[in-house]
Amino acid sequence: MSTDVGSPAGAKTRELLHFITQETRFALLTNIVQHPEQLPSMYELEQLNPSVSEATVYKHVQKLVDAGVVKAVALPDDERQQGYPWKFYGLTEDGRELLETHNLLAAEETLQRIYETISDKPEKMVKYENAPRPAHER
């Protein structure tokens, strides 16, 4: 994904970097990276961004999916459990490569430690955090 910044591909990379570093989208990417499984559910993303409406969180997650930076990962039907989420969001290989190439994942371990210190999580969020998740490469 390394490209000459003066090339057309470089211009596209700059556009994508500008797109993903928009405040809400970058916060969502950070939430994905800091999640223990790097696969939060939509509910978890909403809870981690209380100053943003649920509709806005959903809209920005979808934009990241459309851009190929984030992917939706679903549990197989036979592994879904009532009362637990079955759809999760993680970085795509291209998304992870983009973040790594531009040094936007440098604080990955720190972000995960910060996430572990969140003590006032709603009970539902703790339940969702511990929900079964599909296999996911990170």
N, C-alpha and C. Protein backbone atom coordinates (compact mmCIF):
# COMPACT_ATOMS: atom_id res chain seq x y z
N MET A 1 0.82 -1.19 0.00
CA MET A 1 0.00 0.00 0.00
C MET A 1 0.86 1.25 0.00
N SER A 2 2.15 1.10 0.08
CA SER A 2 3.07 2.23 0.02
C SER A 2 3.06 2.81 -1.39
N THR A 3 2.75 4.10 -1.50
CA THR A 3 2.66 4.71 -2.82
C THR A 3 3.34 6.06 -2.82
N ASP A 4 3.77 6.47 -4.02
CA ASP A 4 4.35 7.79 -4.21
C ASP A 4 3.24 8.81 -4.03
N VAL A 5 3.44 9.76 -3.12
CA VAL A 5 2.37 10.72 -2.81
C VAL A 5 1.98 11.59 -3.99
N GLY A 6 2.88 11.70 -4.98
CA GLY A 6 2.57 12.50 -6.17
C GLY A 6 1.81 11.73 -7.22
N SER A 7 1.71 10.43 -7.08
CA SER A 7 1.03 9.59 -8.07
C SER A 7 -0.48 9.61 -7.85
N PRO A 8 -1.25 9.17 -8.86
CA PRO A 8 -2.71 9.08 -8.65
C PRO A 8 -3.06 8.17 -7.48
N ALA A 9 -2.32 7.06 -7.32
CA ALA A 9 -2.58 6.17 -6.18
C ALA A 9 -2.26 6.88 -4.87
N GLY A 10 -1.22 7.71 -4.88
CA GLY A 10 -0.86 8.48 -3.69
C GLY A 10 -1.94 9.46 -3.32
N ALA A 11 -2.55 10.09 -4.34
CA ALA A 11 -3.65 11.03 -4.08
C ALA A 11 -4.83 10.28 -3.47
N LYS A 12 -5.09 9.08 -3.97
CA LYS A 12 -6.19 8.27 -3.42
C LYS A 12 -5.89 7.89 -1.96
N THR A 13 -4.63 7.57 -1.67
CA THR A 13 -4.23 7.23 -0.31
C THR A 13 -4.43 8.44 0.60
N ARG A 14 -4.02 9.62 0.14
CA ARG A 14 -4.21 10.84 0.95
C ARG A 14 -5.69 11.08 1.22
N GLU A 15 -6.52 10.88 0.21
CA GLU A 15 -7.98 11.02 0.39
C GLU A 15 -8.49 10.06 1.45
N LEU A 16 -8.05 8.81 1.36
CA LEU A 16 -8.49 7.79 2.30
C LEU A 16 -8.02 8.12 3.72
N LEU A 17 -6.78 8.59 3.85
CA LEU A 17 -6.28 8.98 5.17
C LEU A 17 -7.10 10.13 5.74
N HIS A 18 -7.41 11.11 4.91
CA HIS A 18 -8.24 12.23 5.35
C HIS A 18 -9.62 11.71 5.80
N PHE A 19 -10.16 10.78 5.03
CA PHE A 19 -11.47 10.19 5.32
C PHE A 19 -11.47 9.46 6.66
N ILE A 20 -10.46 8.61 6.90
CA ILE A 20 -10.47 7.80 8.13
C ILE A 20 -10.07 8.59 9.36
N THR A 21 -9.40 9.72 9.17
CA THR A 21 -8.99 10.49 10.35
C THR A 21 -10.03 11.54 10.75
N GLN A 22 -11.17 11.53 10.08
CA GLN A 22 -12.29 12.36 10.55
C GLN A 22 -12.57 11.91 11.98
N GLU A 23 -12.90 12.82 12.86
CA GLU A 23 -12.94 12.55 14.30
C GLU A 23 -13.76 11.30 14.69
N THR A 24 -15.00 11.22 14.24
CA THR A 24 -15.85 10.09 14.64
C THR A 24 -15.34 8.79 14.03
N ARG A 25 -14.96 8.81 12.76
CA ARG A 25 -14.48 7.58 12.13
C ARG A 25 -13.18 7.11 12.78
N PHE A 26 -12.29 8.04 13.11
CA PHE A 26 -11.04 7.63 13.74
C PHE A 26 -11.29 7.09 15.14
N ALA A 27 -12.24 7.67 15.86
CA ALA A 27 -12.62 7.15 17.18
C ALA A 27 -13.13 5.72 17.05
N LEU A 28 -13.94 5.45 16.03
CA LEU A 28 -14.47 4.09 15.82
C LEU A 28 -13.35 3.12 15.49
N LEU A 29 -12.41 3.53 14.65
CA LEU A 29 -11.26 2.67 14.34
C LEU A 29 -10.46 2.39 15.61
N THR A 30 -10.28 3.40 16.42
CA THR A 30 -9.58 3.24 17.70
C THR A 30 -10.32 2.25 18.59
N ASN A 31 -11.65 2.35 18.63
CA ASN A 31 -12.46 1.43 19.43
C ASN A 31 -12.29 -0.01 18.96
N ILE A 32 -12.22 -0.20 17.66
CA ILE A 32 -12.04 -1.55 17.11
C ILE A 32 -10.67 -2.09 17.54
N VAL A 33 -9.64 -1.28 17.38
CA VAL A 33 -8.27 -1.71 17.71
C VAL A 33 -8.12 -2.00 19.20
N GLN A 34 -8.78 -1.22 20.05
CA GLN A 34 -8.59 -1.40 21.48
C GLN A 34 -9.46 -2.50 22.07
N HIS A 35 -10.47 -2.95 21.34
CA HIS A 35 -11.35 -4.01 21.84
C HIS A 35 -10.55 -5.29 22.08
N PRO A 36 -10.84 -6.02 23.16
CA PRO A 36 -10.07 -7.24 23.47
C PRO A 36 -9.96 -8.22 22.30
N GLU A 37 -11.01 -8.34 21.51
CA GLU A 37 -10.99 -9.27 20.37
C GLU A 37 -10.83 -8.52 19.04
N GLN A 38 -10.75 -7.20 19.11
CA GLN A 38 -10.72 -6.34 17.92
C GLN A 38 -11.92 -6.62 17.01
N LEU A 39 -13.04 -6.97 17.65
CA LEU A 39 -14.30 -7.24 16.96
C LEU A 39 -15.48 -6.78 17.81
N PRO A 40 -15.64 -5.48 18.02
CA PRO A 40 -16.79 -5.03 18.82
C PRO A 40 -18.10 -5.15 18.04
N SER A 41 -19.17 -5.25 18.79
CA SER A 41 -20.51 -5.20 18.19
C SER A 41 -20.90 -3.74 18.01
N MET A 42 -21.97 -3.51 17.27
CA MET A 42 -22.45 -2.13 17.08
C MET A 42 -22.81 -1.51 18.44
N TYR A 43 -23.43 -2.30 19.31
CA TYR A 43 -23.80 -1.79 20.64
C TYR A 43 -22.56 -1.31 21.40
N GLU A 44 -21.50 -2.10 21.37
CA GLU A 44 -20.27 -1.71 22.07
C GLU A 44 -19.71 -0.41 21.49
N LEU A 45 -19.73 -0.28 20.18
CA LEU A 45 -19.24 0.95 19.54
C LEU A 45 -20.11 2.14 19.96
N GLU A 46 -21.41 1.93 20.05
CA GLU A 46 -22.31 3.00 20.48
C GLU A 46 -22.01 3.41 21.92
N GLN A 47 -21.78 2.44 22.80
CA GLN A 47 -21.50 2.72 24.21
C GLN A 47 -20.17 3.45 24.40
N LEU A 48 -19.21 3.15 23.54
CA LEU A 48 -17.90 3.78 23.64
C LEU A 48 -17.89 5.20 23.08
N ASN A 49 -18.98 5.60 22.45
CA ASN A 49 -19.08 6.94 21.85
C ASN A 49 -20.37 7.61 22.29
N PRO A 50 -20.51 7.87 23.60
CA PRO A 50 -21.77 8.39 24.13
C PRO A 50 -22.14 9.79 23.64
N SER A 51 -21.16 10.55 23.15
CA SER A 51 -21.48 11.91 22.69
C SER A 51 -21.99 11.93 21.25
N VAL A 52 -22.05 10.75 20.63
CA VAL A 52 -22.50 10.63 19.24
C VAL A 52 -23.76 9.77 19.22
N SER A 53 -24.73 10.15 18.41
CA SER A 53 -25.97 9.37 18.36
C SER A 53 -25.72 7.98 17.78
N GLU A 54 -26.59 7.04 18.11
CA GLU A 54 -26.48 5.68 17.59
C GLU A 54 -26.53 5.70 16.07
N ALA A 55 -27.39 6.55 15.50
CA ALA A 55 -27.51 6.64 14.04
C ALA A 55 -26.20 7.12 13.42
N THR A 56 -25.54 8.05 14.08
CA THR A 56 -24.27 8.56 13.56
C THR A 56 -23.19 7.49 13.64
N VAL A 57 -23.13 6.75 14.73
CA VAL A 57 -22.17 5.65 14.85
C VAL A 57 -22.39 4.67 13.72
N TYR A 58 -23.64 4.26 13.51
CA TYR A 58 -23.97 3.30 12.46
C TYR A 58 -23.55 3.84 11.09
N LYS A 59 -23.87 5.10 10.82
CA LYS A 59 -23.56 5.71 9.52
C LYS A 59 -22.05 5.71 9.27
N HIS A 60 -21.27 6.07 10.28
CA HIS A 60 -19.82 6.12 10.09
C HIS A 60 -19.21 4.72 9.99
N VAL A 61 -19.73 3.76 10.72
CA VAL A 61 -19.25 2.38 10.57
C VAL A 61 -19.52 1.91 9.14
N GLN A 62 -20.71 2.19 8.63
CA GLN A 62 -21.04 1.79 7.25
C GLN A 62 -20.12 2.46 6.24
N LYS A 63 -19.78 3.73 6.48
CA LYS A 63 -18.85 4.43 5.58
C LYS A 63 -17.47 3.76 5.59
N LEU A 64 -17.04 3.33 6.78
CA LEU A 64 -15.75 2.64 6.88
C LEU A 64 -15.80 1.28 6.19
N VAL A 65 -16.94 0.61 6.28
CA VAL A 65 -17.13 -0.67 5.58
C VAL A 65 -17.09 -0.42 4.07
N ASP A 66 -17.83 0.59 3.61
CA ASP A 66 -17.87 0.92 2.18
C ASP A 66 -16.49 1.29 1.64
N ALA A 67 -15.66 1.90 2.49
CA ALA A 67 -14.31 2.31 2.07
C ALA A 67 -13.32 1.13 2.08
N GLY A 68 -13.77 -0.03 2.61
CA GLY A 68 -12.91 -1.20 2.64
C GLY A 68 -11.91 -1.23 3.78
N VAL A 69 -12.12 -0.37 4.78
CA VAL A 69 -11.21 -0.29 5.93
C VAL A 69 -11.71 -1.20 7.05
N VAL A 70 -13.02 -1.34 7.17
CA VAL A 70 -13.66 -2.15 8.20
C VAL A 70 -14.55 -3.18 7.50
N LYS A 71 -14.67 -4.34 8.13
CA LYS A 71 -15.58 -5.36 7.60
C LYS A 71 -16.52 -5.81 8.70
N ALA A 72 -17.72 -6.20 8.28
CA ALA A 72 -18.68 -6.81 9.20
C ALA A 72 -18.39 -8.31 9.20
N VAL A 73 -18.35 -8.89 10.39
CA VAL A 73 -18.08 -10.31 10.54
C VAL A 73 -19.23 -10.90 11.35
N ALA A 74 -19.87 -11.92 10.81
CA ALA A 74 -21.04 -12.50 11.48
C ALA A 74 -20.76 -13.91 11.96
N LEU A 75 -21.36 -14.23 13.09
CA LEU A 75 -21.31 -15.61 13.59
C LEU A 75 -22.16 -16.48 12.67
N PRO A 76 -21.75 -17.70 12.42
CA PRO A 76 -22.61 -18.61 11.66
C PRO A 76 -23.95 -18.80 12.40
N ASP A 77 -25.01 -19.02 11.65
CA ASP A 77 -26.35 -19.18 12.23
C ASP A 77 -26.38 -20.16 13.40
N ASP A 78 -25.68 -21.28 13.26
CA ASP A 78 -25.74 -22.32 14.30
C ASP A 78 -24.94 -21.97 15.56
N GLU A 79 -24.19 -20.88 15.53
CA GLU A 79 -23.42 -20.45 16.71
C GLU A 79 -24.04 -19.24 17.40
N ARG A 80 -25.10 -18.69 16.83
CA ARG A 80 -25.74 -17.51 17.41
C ARG A 80 -26.53 -17.91 18.65
N GLN A 81 -26.49 -17.01 19.65
CA GLN A 81 -27.21 -17.27 20.89
C GLN A 81 -28.17 -16.11 21.15
N GLN A 82 -29.38 -16.46 21.54
CA GLN A 82 -30.38 -15.44 21.83
C GLN A 82 -29.87 -14.51 22.93
N GLY A 83 -30.06 -13.23 22.72
CA GLY A 83 -29.65 -12.24 23.71
C GLY A 83 -28.21 -11.77 23.57
N TYR A 84 -27.50 -12.31 22.59
CA TYR A 84 -26.11 -11.92 22.35
C TYR A 84 -25.99 -11.39 20.92
N PRO A 85 -25.03 -10.51 20.70
CA PRO A 85 -24.84 -10.02 19.34
C PRO A 85 -24.29 -11.13 18.44
N TRP A 86 -24.51 -10.98 17.14
CA TRP A 86 -23.97 -11.96 16.20
C TRP A 86 -23.18 -11.29 15.07
N LYS A 87 -23.23 -9.97 15.04
CA LYS A 87 -22.51 -9.23 14.00
C LYS A 87 -21.50 -8.31 14.67
N PHE A 88 -20.28 -8.34 14.17
CA PHE A 88 -19.17 -7.60 14.76
C PHE A 88 -18.40 -6.87 13.67
N TYR A 89 -17.56 -5.95 14.08
CA TYR A 89 -16.83 -5.12 13.12
C TYR A 89 -15.35 -5.16 13.43
N GLY A 90 -14.55 -5.44 12.39
CA GLY A 90 -13.10 -5.50 12.55
C GLY A 90 -12.42 -4.86 11.36
N LEU A 91 -11.13 -4.64 11.50
CA LEU A 91 -10.36 -4.07 10.40
C LEU A 91 -10.20 -5.09 9.28
N THR A 92 -10.24 -4.62 8.05
CA THR A 92 -9.89 -5.48 6.92
C THR A 92 -8.37 -5.55 6.86
N GLU A 93 -7.84 -6.47 6.07
CA GLU A 93 -6.38 -6.52 5.90
C GLU A 93 -5.87 -5.21 5.35
N ASP A 94 -6.57 -4.65 4.34
CA ASP A 94 -6.16 -3.37 3.77
C ASP A 94 -6.25 -2.24 4.80
N GLY A 95 -7.28 -2.27 5.63
CA GLY A 95 -7.43 -1.26 6.67
C GLY A 95 -6.30 -1.32 7.67
N ARG A 96 -5.96 -2.52 8.11
CA ARG A 96 -4.85 -2.69 9.06
C ARG A 96 -3.54 -2.23 8.42
N GLU A 97 -3.33 -2.61 7.16
CA GLU A 97 -2.10 -2.22 6.46
C GLU A 97 -2.01 -0.71 6.32
N LEU A 98 -3.13 -0.06 5.99
CA LEU A 98 -3.15 1.40 5.86
C LEU A 98 -2.78 2.05 7.20
N LEU A 99 -3.40 1.59 8.28
CA LEU A 99 -3.12 2.15 9.60
C LEU A 99 -1.67 1.91 10.02
N GLU A 100 -1.16 0.71 9.75
CA GLU A 100 0.23 0.41 10.12
C GLU A 100 1.21 1.22 9.28
N THR A 101 0.97 1.30 7.97
CA THR A 101 1.87 2.02 7.06
C THR A 101 2.00 3.48 7.45
N HIS A 102 0.92 4.06 7.92
CA HIS A 102 0.93 5.48 8.27
C HIS A 102 1.03 5.70 9.78
N ASN A 103 1.53 4.66 10.46
CA ASN A 103 1.85 4.73 11.89
C ASN A 103 0.64 5.13 12.75
N LEU A 104 -0.53 4.70 12.34
CA LEU A 104 -1.73 5.02 13.11
C LEU A 104 -2.11 3.91 14.09
N LEU A 105 -1.30 2.84 14.12
CA LEU A 105 -1.54 1.76 15.08
C LEU A 105 -0.43 1.70 16.14
N ALA A 106 0.42 2.69 16.17
CA ALA A 106 1.56 2.68 17.08
C ALA A 106 1.15 2.50 18.54
N ALA A 107 -0.01 2.96 18.89
CA ALA A 107 -0.45 2.90 20.28
C ALA A 107 -1.42 1.74 20.55
N GLU A 108 -1.39 0.72 19.71
CA GLU A 108 -2.34 -0.39 19.84
C GLU A 108 -2.36 -1.00 21.24
N GLU A 109 -1.20 -1.33 21.79
CA GLU A 109 -1.16 -1.93 23.13
C GLU A 109 -1.66 -0.96 24.19
N THR A 110 -1.28 0.30 24.07
CA THR A 110 -1.74 1.31 25.02
C THR A 110 -3.25 1.44 24.96
N LEU A 111 -3.81 1.47 23.76
CA LEU A 111 -5.26 1.57 23.60
C LEU A 111 -5.96 0.38 24.27
N GLN A 112 -5.39 -0.80 24.10
CA GLN A 112 -6.00 -1.99 24.71
C GLN A 112 -5.93 -1.91 26.24
N ARG A 113 -4.84 -1.39 26.78
CA ARG A 113 -4.74 -1.25 28.24
C ARG A 113 -5.74 -0.21 28.75
N ILE A 114 -5.92 0.86 28.01
CA ILE A 114 -6.90 1.88 28.39
C ILE A 114 -8.30 1.26 28.41
N TYR A 115 -8.61 0.47 27.39
CA TYR A 115 -9.92 -0.17 27.31
C TYR A 115 -10.15 -1.05 28.54
N GLU A 116 -9.13 -1.76 28.96
CA GLU A 116 -9.24 -2.65 30.12
C GLU A 116 -9.56 -1.89 31.40
N THR A 117 -9.22 -0.60 31.46
CA THR A 117 -9.43 0.18 32.68
C THR A 117 -10.82 0.82 32.75
N ILE A 118 -11.61 0.69 31.69
CA ILE A 118 -12.96 1.27 31.73
C ILE A 118 -13.77 0.48 32.76
N SER A 119 -14.14 1.14 33.83
CA SER A 119 -14.78 0.42 34.93
C SER A 119 -16.29 0.60 35.00
N ASP A 120 -16.83 1.60 34.33
CA ASP A 120 -18.27 1.86 34.46
C ASP A 120 -19.05 1.38 33.24
N LYS A 121 -18.66 0.22 32.71
CA LYS A 121 -19.37 -0.34 31.56
C LYS A 121 -20.73 -0.84 32.00
N PRO A 122 -21.77 -0.56 31.20
CA PRO A 122 -23.08 -1.14 31.52
C PRO A 122 -23.00 -2.67 31.49
N GLU A 123 -23.85 -3.30 32.26
CA GLU A 123 -23.88 -4.76 32.34
C GLU A 123 -24.03 -5.39 30.96
N LYS A 124 -24.89 -4.79 30.13
CA LYS A 124 -25.12 -5.32 28.78
C LYS A 124 -23.84 -5.27 27.96
N MET A 125 -23.05 -4.24 28.15
CA MET A 125 -21.80 -4.13 27.39
C MET A 125 -20.82 -5.22 27.81
N VAL A 126 -20.72 -5.48 29.10
CA VAL A 126 -19.85 -6.55 29.59
C VAL A 126 -20.32 -7.88 29.01
N LYS A 127 -21.63 -8.10 29.01
CA LYS A 127 -22.19 -9.33 28.44
C LYS A 127 -21.82 -9.44 26.96
N TYR A 128 -21.97 -8.34 26.21
CA TYR A 128 -21.67 -8.34 24.78
C TYR A 128 -20.17 -8.53 24.54
N GLU A 129 -19.36 -7.96 25.40
CA GLU A 129 -17.91 -8.11 25.28
C GLU A 129 -17.51 -9.58 25.36
N ASN A 130 -18.23 -10.33 26.18
CA ASN A 130 -17.91 -11.73 26.39
C ASN A 130 -18.69 -12.67 25.46
N ALA A 131 -19.41 -12.10 24.52
CA ALA A 131 -20.19 -12.91 23.57
C ALA A 131 -19.26 -13.69 22.65
N PRO A 132 -19.73 -14.86 22.20
CA PRO A 132 -18.92 -15.62 21.24
C PRO A 132 -18.73 -14.78 19.97
N ARG A 133 -17.56 -14.90 19.38
CA ARG A 133 -17.25 -14.16 18.17
C ARG A 133 -16.70 -15.11 17.12
N PRO A 134 -16.90 -14.75 15.86
CA PRO A 134 -16.35 -15.58 14.78
C PRO A 134 -14.83 -15.47 14.76
N ALA A 135 -14.19 -16.43 14.14
CA ALA A 135 -12.73 -16.38 13.97
C ALA A 135 -12.42 -15.13 13.13
N HIS A 136 -11.36 -14.45 13.49
CA HIS A 136 -11.02 -13.19 12.83
C HIS A 136 -9.52 -13.03 12.82
N GLU A 137 -8.97 -12.73 11.66
CA GLU A 137 -7.53 -12.47 11.58
C GLU A 137 -7.26 -11.04 12.00
N ARG A 138 -6.21 -10.87 12.79
CA ARG A 138 -5.81 -9.50 13.10
C ARG A 138 -4.34 -9.33 12.96
